[in-house]
Amino acid sequence: GANLDRNGLRPCRYYVTDDDRIVCA
């Protein structure tokens, strides 16, 4: 997984694909 701190100073975007992949960056 991924976790963002409570200040949210860094973005984290994610995609879930139809072949069961998750991409987050």
mmCIF file of all heavy atoms, coordinates in Angstrom:
data_MODEL
# 
_entry.id   MODEL 
# 
loop_
_atom_site.group_PDB 
_atom_site.id 
_atom_site.type_symbol 
_atom_site.label_atom_id 
_atom_site.label_alt_id 
_atom_site.label_comp_id 
_atom_site.label_asym_id 
_atom_site.label_entity_id 
_atom_site.label_seq_id 
_atom_site.pdbx_PDB_ins_code 
_atom_site.Cartn_x 
_atom_site.Cartn_y 
_atom_site.Cartn_z 
_atom_site.occupancy 
_atom_site.B_iso_or_equiv 
_atom_site.pdbx_formal_charge 
_atom_site.auth_seq_id 
_atom_site.auth_comp_id 
_atom_site.auth_asym_id 
_atom_site.auth_atom_id 
_atom_site.pdbx_PDB_model_num 
ATOM 1   N N   . GLY A 1 1  ? 0.794  -1.208 0.000   1.00 0.00 ? 1  GLY A N   1 
ATOM 2   C CA  . GLY A 1 1  ? 0.000  0.000  0.000   1.00 0.00 ? 1  GLY A CA  1 
ATOM 3   C C   . GLY A 1 1  ? 0.825  1.256  0.000   1.00 0.00 ? 1  GLY A C   1 
ATOM 4   O O   . GLY A 1 1  ? 2.052  1.232  -0.145  1.00 0.00 ? 1  GLY A O   1 
ATOM 5   N N   . ALA A 1 2  ? 0.123  2.342  0.170   1.00 0.00 ? 2  ALA A N   1 
ATOM 6   C CA  . ALA A 1 2  ? 0.727  3.667  0.240   1.00 0.00 ? 2  ALA A CA  1 
ATOM 7   C C   . ALA A 1 2  ? -0.014 4.444  1.307   1.00 0.00 ? 2  ALA A C   1 
ATOM 8   O O   . ALA A 1 2  ? -1.204 4.222  1.556   1.00 0.00 ? 2  ALA A O   1 
ATOM 9   C CB  . ALA A 1 2  ? 0.624  4.376  -1.104  1.00 0.00 ? 2  ALA A CB  1 
ATOM 10  N N   . ASN A 1 3  ? 0.698  5.341  1.945   1.00 0.00 ? 3  ASN A N   1 
ATOM 11  C CA  . ASN A 1 3  ? 0.100  6.165  2.990   1.00 0.00 ? 3  ASN A CA  1 
ATOM 12  C C   . ASN A 1 3  ? 0.567  7.598  2.797   1.00 0.00 ? 3  ASN A C   1 
ATOM 13  O O   . ASN A 1 3  ? 1.731  7.845  2.482   1.00 0.00 ? 3  ASN A O   1 
ATOM 14  C CB  . ASN A 1 3  ? 0.531  5.663  4.370   1.00 0.00 ? 3  ASN A CB  1 
ATOM 15  C CG  . ASN A 1 3  ? -0.353 6.197  5.475   1.00 0.00 ? 3  ASN A CG  1 
ATOM 16  O OD1 . ASN A 1 3  ? -1.515 5.834  5.570   1.00 0.00 ? 3  ASN A OD1 1 
ATOM 17  N ND2 . ASN A 1 3  ? 0.198  7.050  6.316   1.00 0.00 ? 3  ASN A ND2 1 
ATOM 18  N N   . LEU A 1 4  ? -0.346 8.505  2.991   1.00 0.00 ? 4  LEU A N   1 
ATOM 19  C CA  . LEU A 1 4  ? -0.060 9.927  2.900   1.00 0.00 ? 4  LEU A CA  1 
ATOM 20  C C   . LEU A 1 4  ? -0.182 10.516 4.291   1.00 0.00 ? 4  LEU A C   1 
ATOM 21  O O   . LEU A 1 4  ? -1.114 10.171 5.024   1.00 0.00 ? 4  LEU A O   1 
ATOM 22  C CB  . LEU A 1 4  ? -1.083 10.580 1.957   1.00 0.00 ? 4  LEU A CB  1 
ATOM 23  C CG  . LEU A 1 4  ? -0.826 11.976 1.440   1.00 0.00 ? 4  LEU A CG  1 
ATOM 24  C CD1 . LEU A 1 4  ? 0.465  12.028 0.633   1.00 0.00 ? 4  LEU A CD1 1 
ATOM 25  C CD2 . LEU A 1 4  ? -1.997 12.429 0.582   1.00 0.00 ? 4  LEU A CD2 1 
ATOM 26  N N   . ASP A 1 5  ? 0.757  11.357 4.669   1.00 0.00 ? 5  ASP A N   1 
ATOM 27  C CA  . ASP A 1 5  ? 0.693  11.929 6.013   1.00 0.00 ? 5  ASP A CA  1 
ATOM 28  C C   . ASP A 1 5  ? -0.522 12.847 6.163   1.00 0.00 ? 5  ASP A C   1 
ATOM 29  O O   . ASP A 1 5  ? -1.212 13.154 5.200   1.00 0.00 ? 5  ASP A O   1 
ATOM 30  C CB  . ASP A 1 5  ? 1.999  12.643 6.380   1.00 0.00 ? 5  ASP A CB  1 
ATOM 31  C CG  . ASP A 1 5  ? 2.167  14.001 5.707   1.00 0.00 ? 5  ASP A CG  1 
ATOM 32  O OD1 . ASP A 1 5  ? 1.313  14.421 4.903   1.00 0.00 ? 5  ASP A OD1 1 
ATOM 33  O OD2 . ASP A 1 5  ? 3.178  14.652 5.988   1.00 0.00 ? 5  ASP A OD2 1 
ATOM 34  N N   . ARG A 1 6  ? -0.776 13.269 7.382   1.00 0.00 ? 6  ARG A N   1 
ATOM 35  C CA  . ARG A 1 6  ? -1.996 14.044 7.662   1.00 0.00 ? 6  ARG A CA  1 
ATOM 36  C C   . ARG A 1 6  ? -1.973 15.440 7.076   1.00 0.00 ? 6  ARG A C   1 
ATOM 37  O O   . ARG A 1 6  ? -2.995 16.107 7.002   1.00 0.00 ? 6  ARG A O   1 
ATOM 38  C CB  . ARG A 1 6  ? -2.250 14.079 9.156   1.00 0.00 ? 6  ARG A CB  1 
ATOM 39  C CG  . ARG A 1 6  ? -1.139 14.706 9.928   1.00 0.00 ? 6  ARG A CG  1 
ATOM 40  C CD  . ARG A 1 6  ? -1.401 14.626 11.401  1.00 0.00 ? 6  ARG A CD  1 
ATOM 41  N NE  . ARG A 1 6  ? -0.142 14.801 12.084  1.00 0.00 ? 6  ARG A NE  1 
ATOM 42  C CZ  . ARG A 1 6  ? 0.164  14.229 13.201  1.00 0.00 ? 6  ARG A CZ  1 
ATOM 43  N NH1 . ARG A 1 6  ? -0.701 13.450 13.788  1.00 0.00 ? 6  ARG A NH1 1 
ATOM 44  N NH2 . ARG A 1 6  ? 1.311  14.430 13.756  1.00 0.00 ? 6  ARG A NH2 1 
ATOM 45  N N   . ASN A 1 7  ? -0.791 15.916 6.647   1.00 0.00 ? 7  ASN A N   1 
ATOM 46  C CA  . ASN A 1 7  ? -0.703 17.249 6.041   1.00 0.00 ? 7  ASN A CA  1 
ATOM 47  C C   . ASN A 1 7  ? -0.991 17.228 4.551   1.00 0.00 ? 7  ASN A C   1 
ATOM 48  O O   . ASN A 1 7  ? -1.362 18.243 3.979   1.00 0.00 ? 7  ASN A O   1 
ATOM 49  C CB  . ASN A 1 7  ? 0.684  17.856 6.291   1.00 0.00 ? 7  ASN A CB  1 
ATOM 50  C CG  . ASN A 1 7  ? 0.946  18.057 7.764   1.00 0.00 ? 7  ASN A CG  1 
ATOM 51  O OD1 . ASN A 1 7  ? 0.073  18.518 8.494   1.00 0.00 ? 7  ASN A OD1 1 
ATOM 52  N ND2 . ASN A 1 7  ? 2.124  17.685 8.204   1.00 0.00 ? 7  ASN A ND2 1 
ATOM 53  N N   . GLY A 1 8  ? -0.797 16.086 3.921   1.00 0.00 ? 8  GLY A N   1 
ATOM 54  C CA  . GLY A 1 8  ? -1.100 15.953 2.497   1.00 0.00 ? 8  GLY A CA  1 
ATOM 55  C C   . GLY A 1 8  ? -0.232 16.820 1.600   1.00 0.00 ? 8  GLY A C   1 
ATOM 56  O O   . GLY A 1 8  ? -0.699 17.317 0.583   1.00 0.00 ? 8  GLY A O   1 
ATOM 57  N N   . LEU A 1 9  ? 1.030  16.989 1.969   1.00 0.00 ? 9  LEU A N   1 
ATOM 58  C CA  . LEU A 1 9  ? 1.902  17.880 1.207   1.00 0.00 ? 9  LEU A CA  1 
ATOM 59  C C   . LEU A 1 9  ? 2.434  17.248 -0.076  1.00 0.00 ? 9  LEU A C   1 
ATOM 60  O O   . LEU A 1 9  ? 2.979  17.946 -0.918  1.00 0.00 ? 9  LEU A O   1 
ATOM 61  C CB  . LEU A 1 9  ? 3.072  18.337 2.081   1.00 0.00 ? 9  LEU A CB  1 
ATOM 62  C CG  . LEU A 1 9  ? 2.655  19.117 3.338   1.00 0.00 ? 9  LEU A CG  1 
ATOM 63  C CD1 . LEU A 1 9  ? 3.876  19.447 4.183   1.00 0.00 ? 9  LEU A CD1 1 
ATOM 64  C CD2 . LEU A 1 9  ? 1.892  20.370 2.967   1.00 0.00 ? 9  LEU A CD2 1 
ATOM 65  N N   . ARG A 1 10 ? 2.293  15.953 -0.232  1.00 0.00 ? 10 ARG A N   1 
ATOM 66  C CA  . ARG A 1 10 ? 2.771  15.276 -1.441  1.00 0.00 ? 10 ARG A CA  1 
ATOM 67  C C   . ARG A 1 10 ? 1.563  14.625 -2.103  1.00 0.00 ? 10 ARG A C   1 
ATOM 68  O O   . ARG A 1 10 ? 0.791  13.942 -1.442  1.00 0.00 ? 10 ARG A O   1 
ATOM 69  C CB  . ARG A 1 10 ? 3.796  14.227 -1.062  1.00 0.00 ? 10 ARG A CB  1 
ATOM 70  C CG  . ARG A 1 10 ? 4.124  13.261 -2.133  1.00 0.00 ? 10 ARG A CG  1 
ATOM 71  C CD  . ARG A 1 10 ? 5.426  13.364 -2.772  1.00 0.00 ? 10 ARG A CD  1 
ATOM 72  N NE  . ARG A 1 10 ? 6.431  14.023 -1.999  1.00 0.00 ? 10 ARG A NE  1 
ATOM 73  C CZ  . ARG A 1 10 ? 7.668  14.086 -2.371  1.00 0.00 ? 10 ARG A CZ  1 
ATOM 74  N NH1 . ARG A 1 10 ? 8.026  13.492 -3.476  1.00 0.00 ? 10 ARG A NH1 1 
ATOM 75  N NH2 . ARG A 1 10 ? 8.560  14.711 -1.673  1.00 0.00 ? 10 ARG A NH2 1 
ATOM 76  N N   . PRO A 1 11 ? 1.399  14.797 -3.402  1.00 0.00 ? 11 PRO A N   1 
ATOM 77  C CA  . PRO A 1 11 ? 0.269  14.120 -4.056  1.00 0.00 ? 11 PRO A CA  1 
ATOM 78  C C   . PRO A 1 11 ? 0.531  12.633 -4.224  1.00 0.00 ? 11 PRO A C   1 
ATOM 79  O O   . PRO A 1 11 ? 1.673  12.192 -4.279  1.00 0.00 ? 11 PRO A O   1 
ATOM 80  C CB  . PRO A 1 11 ? 0.193  14.814 -5.425  1.00 0.00 ? 11 PRO A CB  1 
ATOM 81  C CG  . PRO A 1 11 ? 1.573  15.323 -5.670  1.00 0.00 ? 11 PRO A CG  1 
ATOM 82  C CD  . PRO A 1 11 ? 2.164  15.633 -4.314  1.00 0.00 ? 11 PRO A CD  1 
ATOM 83  N N   . CYS A 1 12 ? -0.544 11.871 -4.268  1.00 0.00 ? 12 CYS A N   1 
ATOM 84  C CA  . CYS A 1 12 ? -0.469 10.441 -4.589  1.00 0.00 ? 12 CYS A CA  1 
ATOM 85  C C   . CYS A 1 12 ? -1.704 10.108 -5.411  1.00 0.00 ? 12 CYS A C   1 
ATOM 86  O O   . CYS A 1 12 ? -2.818 10.131 -4.899  1.00 0.00 ? 12 CYS A O   1 
ATOM 87  C CB  . CYS A 1 12 ? -0.421 9.581  -3.329  1.00 0.00 ? 12 CYS A CB  1 
ATOM 88  S SG  . CYS A 1 12 ? -0.388 7.812  -3.706  1.00 0.00 ? 12 CYS A SG  1 
ATOM 89  N N   . ARG A 1 13 ? -1.462 9.836  -6.673  1.00 0.00 ? 13 ARG A N   1 
ATOM 90  C CA  . ARG A 1 13 ? -2.547 9.472  -7.565  1.00 0.00 ? 13 ARG A CA  1 
ATOM 91  C C   . ARG A 1 13 ? -2.435 7.983  -7.892  1.00 0.00 ? 13 ARG A C   1 
ATOM 92  O O   . ARG A 1 13 ? -1.335 7.440  -7.931  1.00 0.00 ? 13 ARG A O   1 
ATOM 93  C CB  . ARG A 1 13 ? -2.461 10.297 -8.832  1.00 0.00 ? 13 ARG A CB  1 
ATOM 94  C CG  . ARG A 1 13 ? -2.489 11.788 -8.508  1.00 0.00 ? 13 ARG A CG  1 
ATOM 95  C CD  . ARG A 1 13 ? -2.942 12.613 -9.621  1.00 0.00 ? 13 ARG A CD  1 
ATOM 96  N NE  . ARG A 1 13 ? -3.026 14.031 -9.527  1.00 0.00 ? 13 ARG A NE  1 
ATOM 97  C CZ  . ARG A 1 13 ? -2.897 14.842 -8.511  1.00 0.00 ? 13 ARG A CZ  1 
ATOM 98  N NH1 . ARG A 1 13 ? -2.642 14.376 -7.341  1.00 0.00 ? 13 ARG A NH1 1 
ATOM 99  N NH2 . ARG A 1 13 ? -3.020 16.137 -8.595  1.00 0.00 ? 13 ARG A NH2 1 
ATOM 100 N N   . TYR A 1 14 ? -3.579 7.353  -8.126  1.00 0.00 ? 14 TYR A N   1 
ATOM 101 C CA  . TYR A 1 14 ? -3.532 5.923  -8.421  1.00 0.00 ? 14 TYR A CA  1 
ATOM 102 C C   . TYR A 1 14 ? -4.561 5.540  -9.480  1.00 0.00 ? 14 TYR A C   1 
ATOM 103 O O   . TYR A 1 14 ? -5.572 6.222  -9.664  1.00 0.00 ? 14 TYR A O   1 
ATOM 104 C CB  . TYR A 1 14 ? -3.734 5.079  -7.161  1.00 0.00 ? 14 TYR A CB  1 
ATOM 105 C CG  . TYR A 1 14 ? -5.081 5.249  -6.504  1.00 0.00 ? 14 TYR A CG  1 
ATOM 106 C CD1 . TYR A 1 14 ? -6.160 4.457  -6.861  1.00 0.00 ? 14 TYR A CD1 1 
ATOM 107 C CD2 . TYR A 1 14 ? -5.278 6.209  -5.515  1.00 0.00 ? 14 TYR A CD2 1 
ATOM 108 C CE1 . TYR A 1 14 ? -7.397 4.615  -6.261  1.00 0.00 ? 14 TYR A CE1 1 
ATOM 109 C CE2 . TYR A 1 14 ? -6.506 6.372  -4.908  1.00 0.00 ? 14 TYR A CE2 1 
ATOM 110 C CZ  . TYR A 1 14 ? -7.556 5.577  -5.282  1.00 0.00 ? 14 TYR A CZ  1 
ATOM 111 O OH  . TYR A 1 14 ? -8.777 5.744  -4.693  1.00 0.00 ? 14 TYR A OH  1 
ATOM 112 N N   . TYR A 1 15 ? -4.233 4.463  -10.185 1.00 0.00 ? 15 TYR A N   1 
ATOM 113 C CA  . TYR A 1 15 ? -5.114 3.838  -11.162 1.00 0.00 ? 15 TYR A CA  1 
ATOM 114 C C   . TYR A 1 15 ? -5.281 2.379  -10.773 1.00 0.00 ? 15 TYR A C   1 
ATOM 115 O O   . TYR A 1 15 ? -4.340 1.737  -10.323 1.00 0.00 ? 15 TYR A O   1 
ATOM 116 C CB  . TYR A 1 15 ? -4.516 3.843  -12.572 1.00 0.00 ? 15 TYR A CB  1 
ATOM 117 C CG  . TYR A 1 15 ? -4.330 5.189  -13.215 1.00 0.00 ? 15 TYR A CG  1 
ATOM 118 C CD1 . TYR A 1 15 ? -3.261 5.398  -14.080 1.00 0.00 ? 15 TYR A CD1 1 
ATOM 119 C CD2 . TYR A 1 15 ? -5.202 6.241  -13.002 1.00 0.00 ? 15 TYR A CD2 1 
ATOM 120 C CE1 . TYR A 1 15 ? -3.073 6.619  -14.704 1.00 0.00 ? 15 TYR A CE1 1 
ATOM 121 C CE2 . TYR A 1 15 ? -5.022 7.466  -13.614 1.00 0.00 ? 15 TYR A CE2 1 
ATOM 122 C CZ  . TYR A 1 15 ? -3.956 7.649  -14.472 1.00 0.00 ? 15 TYR A CZ  1 
ATOM 123 O OH  . TYR A 1 15 ? -3.769 8.851  -15.085 1.00 0.00 ? 15 TYR A OH  1 
ATOM 124 N N   . VAL A 1 16 ? -6.480 1.851  -10.974 1.00 0.00 ? 16 VAL A N   1 
ATOM 125 C CA  . VAL A 1 16 ? -6.747 0.418  -10.878 1.00 0.00 ? 16 VAL A CA  1 
ATOM 126 C C   . VAL A 1 16 ? -7.143 -0.003 -12.284 1.00 0.00 ? 16 VAL A C   1 
ATOM 127 O O   . VAL A 1 16 ? -8.013 0.618  -12.894 1.00 0.00 ? 16 VAL A O   1 
ATOM 128 C CB  . VAL A 1 16 ? -7.880 0.105  -9.874  1.00 0.00 ? 16 VAL A CB  1 
ATOM 129 C CG1 . VAL A 1 16 ? -8.153 -1.388 -9.826  1.00 0.00 ? 16 VAL A CG1 1 
ATOM 130 C CG2 . VAL A 1 16 ? -7.549 0.666  -8.498  1.00 0.00 ? 16 VAL A CG2 1 
ATOM 131 N N   . THR A 1 17 ? -6.488 -1.052 -12.789 1.00 0.00 ? 17 THR A N   1 
ATOM 132 C CA  . THR A 1 17 ? -6.748 -1.474 -14.156 1.00 0.00 ? 17 THR A CA  1 
ATOM 133 C C   . THR A 1 17 ? -7.607 -2.737 -14.194 1.00 0.00 ? 17 THR A C   1 
ATOM 134 O O   . THR A 1 17 ? -7.766 -3.424 -13.189 1.00 0.00 ? 17 THR A O   1 
ATOM 135 C CB  . THR A 1 17 ? -5.421 -1.745 -14.904 1.00 0.00 ? 17 THR A CB  1 
ATOM 136 O OG1 . THR A 1 17 ? -4.745 -2.831 -14.276 1.00 0.00 ? 17 THR A OG1 1 
ATOM 137 C CG2 . THR A 1 17 ? -4.533 -0.505 -14.910 1.00 0.00 ? 17 THR A CG2 1 
ATOM 138 N N   . ASP A 1 18 ? -8.126 -3.034 -15.391 1.00 0.00 ? 18 ASP A N   1 
ATOM 139 C CA  . ASP A 1 18 ? -9.003 -4.196 -15.553 1.00 0.00 ? 18 ASP A CA  1 
ATOM 140 C C   . ASP A 1 18 ? -8.257 -5.528 -15.498 1.00 0.00 ? 18 ASP A C   1 
ATOM 141 O O   . ASP A 1 18 ? -8.881 -6.591 -15.511 1.00 0.00 ? 18 ASP A O   1 
ATOM 142 C CB  . ASP A 1 18 ? -9.819 -4.093 -16.851 1.00 0.00 ? 18 ASP A CB  1 
ATOM 143 C CG  . ASP A 1 18 ? -8.963 -4.037 -18.102 1.00 0.00 ? 18 ASP A CG  1 
ATOM 144 O OD1 . ASP A 1 18 ? -7.710 -4.103 -18.007 1.00 0.00 ? 18 ASP A OD1 1 
ATOM 145 O OD2 . ASP A 1 18 ? -9.551 -3.900 -19.194 1.00 0.00 ? 18 ASP A OD2 1 
ATOM 146 N N   . ASP A 1 19 ? -6.929 -5.495 -15.413 1.00 0.00 ? 19 ASP A N   1 
ATOM 147 C CA  . ASP A 1 19 ? -6.153 -6.729 -15.246 1.00 0.00 ? 19 ASP A CA  1 
ATOM 148 C C   . ASP A 1 19 ? -5.559 -6.819 -13.842 1.00 0.00 ? 19 ASP A C   1 
ATOM 149 O O   . ASP A 1 19 ? -4.513 -7.430 -13.632 1.00 0.00 ? 19 ASP A O   1 
ATOM 150 C CB  . ASP A 1 19 ? -5.079 -6.862 -16.323 1.00 0.00 ? 19 ASP A CB  1 
ATOM 151 C CG  . ASP A 1 19 ? -4.092 -5.703 -16.323 1.00 0.00 ? 19 ASP A CG  1 
ATOM 152 O OD1 . ASP A 1 19 ? -4.327 -4.704 -15.609 1.00 0.00 ? 19 ASP A OD1 1 
ATOM 153 O OD2 . ASP A 1 19 ? -3.074 -5.800 -17.036 1.00 0.00 ? 19 ASP A OD2 1 
ATOM 154 N N   . ASP A 1 20 ? -6.256 -6.195 -12.875 1.00 0.00 ? 20 ASP A N   1 
ATOM 155 C CA  . ASP A 1 20 ? -5.923 -6.287 -11.445 1.00 0.00 ? 20 ASP A CA  1 
ATOM 156 C C   . ASP A 1 20 ? -4.560 -5.699 -11.078 1.00 0.00 ? 20 ASP A C   1 
ATOM 157 O O   . ASP A 1 20 ? -3.865 -6.219 -10.218 1.00 0.00 ? 20 ASP A O   1 
ATOM 158 C CB  . ASP A 1 20 ? -6.010 -7.727 -10.942 1.00 0.00 ? 20 ASP A CB  1 
ATOM 159 C CG  . ASP A 1 20 ? -7.432 -8.249 -10.954 1.00 0.00 ? 20 ASP A CG  1 
ATOM 160 O OD1 . ASP A 1 20 ? -8.353 -7.428 -10.797 1.00 0.00 ? 20 ASP A OD1 1 
ATOM 161 O OD2 . ASP A 1 20 ? -7.623 -9.460 -11.113 1.00 0.00 ? 20 ASP A OD2 1 
ATOM 162 N N   . ARG A 1 21 ? -4.201 -4.625 -11.717 1.00 0.00 ? 21 ARG A N   1 
ATOM 163 C CA  . ARG A 1 21 ? -2.986 -3.898 -11.331 1.00 0.00 ? 21 ARG A CA  1 
ATOM 164 C C   . ARG A 1 21 ? -3.380 -2.577 -10.693 1.00 0.00 ? 21 ARG A C   1 
ATOM 165 O O   . ARG A 1 21 ? -4.402 -1.993 -11.026 1.00 0.00 ? 21 ARG A O   1 
ATOM 166 C CB  . ARG A 1 21 ? -2.097 -3.608 -12.550 1.00 0.00 ? 21 ARG A CB  1 
ATOM 167 C CG  . ARG A 1 21 ? -1.417 -4.833 -13.113 1.00 0.00 ? 21 ARG A CG  1 
ATOM 168 C CD  . ARG A 1 21 ? -0.466 -4.469 -14.224 1.00 0.00 ? 21 ARG A CD  1 
ATOM 169 N NE  . ARG A 1 21 ? -1.198 -3.887 -15.336 1.00 0.00 ? 21 ARG A NE  1 
ATOM 170 C CZ  . ARG A 1 21 ? -0.682 -2.996 -16.187 1.00 0.00 ? 21 ARG A CZ  1 
ATOM 171 N NH1 . ARG A 1 21 ? 0.555  -2.586 -16.064 1.00 0.00 ? 21 ARG A NH1 1 
ATOM 172 N NH2 . ARG A 1 21 ? -1.407 -2.514 -17.165 1.00 0.00 ? 21 ARG A NH2 1 
ATOM 173 N N   . ILE A 1 22 ? -2.533 -2.150 -9.768  1.00 0.00 ? 22 ILE A N   1 
ATOM 174 C CA  . ILE A 1 22 ? -2.668 -0.813 -9.186  1.00 0.00 ? 22 ILE A CA  1 
ATOM 175 C C   . ILE A 1 22 ? -1.363 -0.090 -9.437  1.00 0.00 ? 22 ILE A C   1 
ATOM 176 O O   . ILE A 1 22 ? -0.285 -0.633 -9.183  1.00 0.00 ? 22 ILE A O   1 
ATOM 177 C CB  . ILE A 1 22 ? -2.941 -0.866 -7.672  1.00 0.00 ? 22 ILE A CB  1 
ATOM 178 C CG1 . ILE A 1 22 ? -4.304 -1.477 -7.395  1.00 0.00 ? 22 ILE A CG1 1 
ATOM 179 C CG2 . ILE A 1 22 ? -2.867 0.524  -7.072  1.00 0.00 ? 22 ILE A CG2 1 
ATOM 180 C CD1 . ILE A 1 22 ? -4.660 -1.516 -5.940  1.00 0.00 ? 22 ILE A CD1 1 
ATOM 181 N N   . VAL A 1 23 ? -1.475 1.100  -9.941  1.00 0.00 ? 23 VAL A N   1 
ATOM 182 C CA  . VAL A 1 23 ? -0.312 1.944  -10.171 1.00 0.00 ? 23 VAL A CA  1 
ATOM 183 C C   . VAL A 1 23 ? -0.518 3.194  -9.340  1.00 0.00 ? 23 VAL A C   1 
ATOM 184 O O   . VAL A 1 23 ? -1.561 3.847  -9.435  1.00 0.00 ? 23 VAL A O   1 
ATOM 185 C CB  . VAL A 1 23 ? -0.182 2.325  -11.663 1.00 0.00 ? 23 VAL A CB  1 
ATOM 186 C CG1 . VAL A 1 23 ? 0.998  3.261  -11.874 1.00 0.00 ? 23 VAL A CG1 1 
ATOM 187 C CG2 . VAL A 1 23 ? -0.067 1.083  -12.530 1.00 0.00 ? 23 VAL A CG2 1 
ATOM 188 N N   . CYS A 1 24 ? 0.443  3.491  -8.471  1.00 0.00 ? 24 CYS A N   1 
ATOM 189 C CA  . CYS A 1 24 ? 0.331  4.727  -7.707  1.00 0.00 ? 24 CYS A CA  1 
ATOM 190 C C   . CYS A 1 24 ? 1.659  5.459  -7.770  1.00 0.00 ? 24 CYS A C   1 
ATOM 191 O O   . CYS A 1 24 ? 2.719  4.842  -7.784  1.00 0.00 ? 24 CYS A O   1 
ATOM 192 C CB  . CYS A 1 24 ? -0.142 4.480  -6.280  1.00 0.00 ? 24 CYS A CB  1 
ATOM 193 S SG  . CYS A 1 24 ? 1.065  4.240  -5.017  1.00 0.00 ? 24 CYS A SG  1 
ATOM 194 N N   . ALA A 1 25 ? 1.581  6.769  -7.857  1.00 0.00 ? 25 ALA A N   1 
ATOM 195 C CA  . ALA A 1 25 ? 2.777  7.594  -7.967  1.00 0.00 ? 25 ALA A CA  1 
ATOM 196 C C   . ALA A 1 25 ? 2.435  9.022  -7.583  1.00 0.00 ? 25 ALA A C   1 
ATOM 197 O O   . ALA A 1 25 ? 1.262  9.394  -7.504  1.00 0.00 ? 25 ALA A O   1 
ATOM 198 C CB  . ALA A 1 25 ? 3.320  7.556  -9.397  1.00 0.00 ? 25 ALA A CB  1 
# 
